[in-house]
């Protein structure tokens, strides 16, 4: 049994990359996989909208958790109250 040697351009840094399904990130394809379990027109539309949303997030360099943190910071605004709400 021969051992498989890594390619010269492979590195430990490649282990942090997310898998891709053709041109889409695997996290963006997840709604499409759910559509395969429940094939209706409305679930297909929801899956396409979700895939477009996730692909748009990835285009701008956001993950879902990063986007939610960014949206919360935009909604809360730049001014922070110095007095707690319970006082």
Protein backbone atom coordinates (compact mmCIF):
# COMPACT_ATOMS: atom_id res chain seq x y z
CA UNK A 1 0.00 0.00 0.00
CA UNK A 2 1.58 3.24 -1.11
CA UNK A 3 1.39 6.31 1.06
CA UNK A 4 -0.02 9.36 -0.59
CA UNK A 5 2.31 12.34 -0.46
CA UNK A 6 0.86 15.85 -0.38
CA UNK A 7 1.38 18.03 -3.40
CA UNK A 8 4.18 20.61 -3.14
CA UNK A 9 1.72 23.51 -3.13
CA UNK A 10 -0.41 22.04 -0.30
CA UNK A 11 -0.02 23.64 3.07
CA UNK A 12 -1.54 23.52 6.53
CA UNK A 13 -3.09 26.90 5.69
CA UNK A 14 -5.38 25.15 3.21
CA UNK A 15 -7.10 23.31 6.05
CA UNK A 16 -9.06 26.45 7.02
CA UNK A 17 -10.72 26.81 3.62
CA UNK A 18 -14.37 25.91 3.29
CA UNK A 19 -15.40 23.27 0.77
CA UNK A 20 -16.98 24.40 -2.48
CA UNK A 21 -19.71 22.89 -4.62
CA UNK A 22 -18.74 23.94 -8.13
CA UNK A 23 -18.62 27.77 -7.88
CA UNK A 24 -20.65 28.03 -4.66
CA UNK A 25 -19.45 27.80 -1.09
CA UNK A 26 -20.86 24.79 0.72
CA UNK A 27 -22.62 27.02 3.27
CA UNK A 28 -24.48 28.77 0.44
CA UNK A 29 -25.55 25.47 -1.14
CA UNK A 30 -27.13 24.14 2.07
CA UNK A 31 -30.60 25.63 1.28
CA UNK A 32 -30.48 23.89 -2.11
CA UNK A 33 -29.82 20.59 -0.36
CA UNK A 34 -32.88 21.21 1.81
CA UNK A 35 -34.91 21.83 -1.34
CA UNK A 36 -33.88 18.39 -2.58
CA UNK A 37 -35.61 16.92 0.48
CA UNK A 38 -38.83 18.92 -0.03
CA UNK A 39 -39.31 19.67 -3.72
CA UNK A 40 -41.92 22.36 -4.03
CA UNK A 41 -41.90 25.60 -6.01
CA UNK A 42 -41.90 27.79 -2.91
CA UNK A 43 -38.98 25.93 -1.30
CA UNK A 44 -37.06 26.28 -4.57
CA UNK A 45 -37.65 30.04 -4.55
CA UNK A 46 -36.63 30.28 -0.88
CA UNK A 47 -33.50 28.21 -1.61
CA UNK A 48 -32.56 30.47 -4.55
CA UNK A 49 -33.04 33.61 -2.45
CA UNK A 50 -30.99 32.13 0.40
CA UNK A 51 -28.24 31.01 -1.99
CA UNK A 52 -28.13 34.49 -3.53
CA UNK A 53 -27.98 36.09 -0.08
CA UNK A 54 -25.18 33.82 1.13
CA UNK A 55 -23.26 34.23 -2.12
CA UNK A 56 -23.58 38.00 -1.81
CA UNK A 57 -22.29 37.84 1.76
CA UNK A 58 -19.31 35.77 0.64
CA UNK A 59 -18.64 38.20 -2.22
CA UNK A 60 -18.23 40.99 0.35
CA UNK A 61 -16.11 38.80 2.64
CA UNK A 62 -18.69 38.26 5.38
CA UNK A 63 -19.68 35.08 7.15
CA UNK A 64 -23.18 34.89 8.60
CA UNK A 65 -21.99 35.57 12.16
CA UNK A 66 -19.82 38.48 11.00
CA UNK A 67 -22.73 39.94 9.04
CA UNK A 68 -25.05 39.68 12.05
CA UNK A 69 -22.47 41.45 14.25
CA UNK A 70 -22.04 44.17 11.62
CA UNK A 71 -25.82 44.63 11.28
CA UNK A 72 -26.23 44.84 15.07
CA UNK A 73 -23.51 47.51 15.26
CA UNK A 74 -25.19 49.50 12.45
CA UNK A 75 -28.60 49.31 14.13
CA UNK A 76 -27.26 50.19 17.59
CA UNK A 77 -25.35 53.19 16.26
CA UNK A 78 -22.04 54.69 17.28
CA UNK A 79 -23.15 56.30 20.54
CA UNK A 80 -23.11 54.08 23.63
CA UNK A 81 -24.93 55.01 26.83
CA UNK A 82 -22.72 55.30 29.90
CA UNK A 83 -25.60 54.72 32.30
CA UNK A 84 -27.05 51.19 32.62
CA UNK A 85 -30.70 50.76 31.71
CA UNK A 86 -31.72 49.45 35.15
CA UNK A 87 -30.72 52.63 37.02
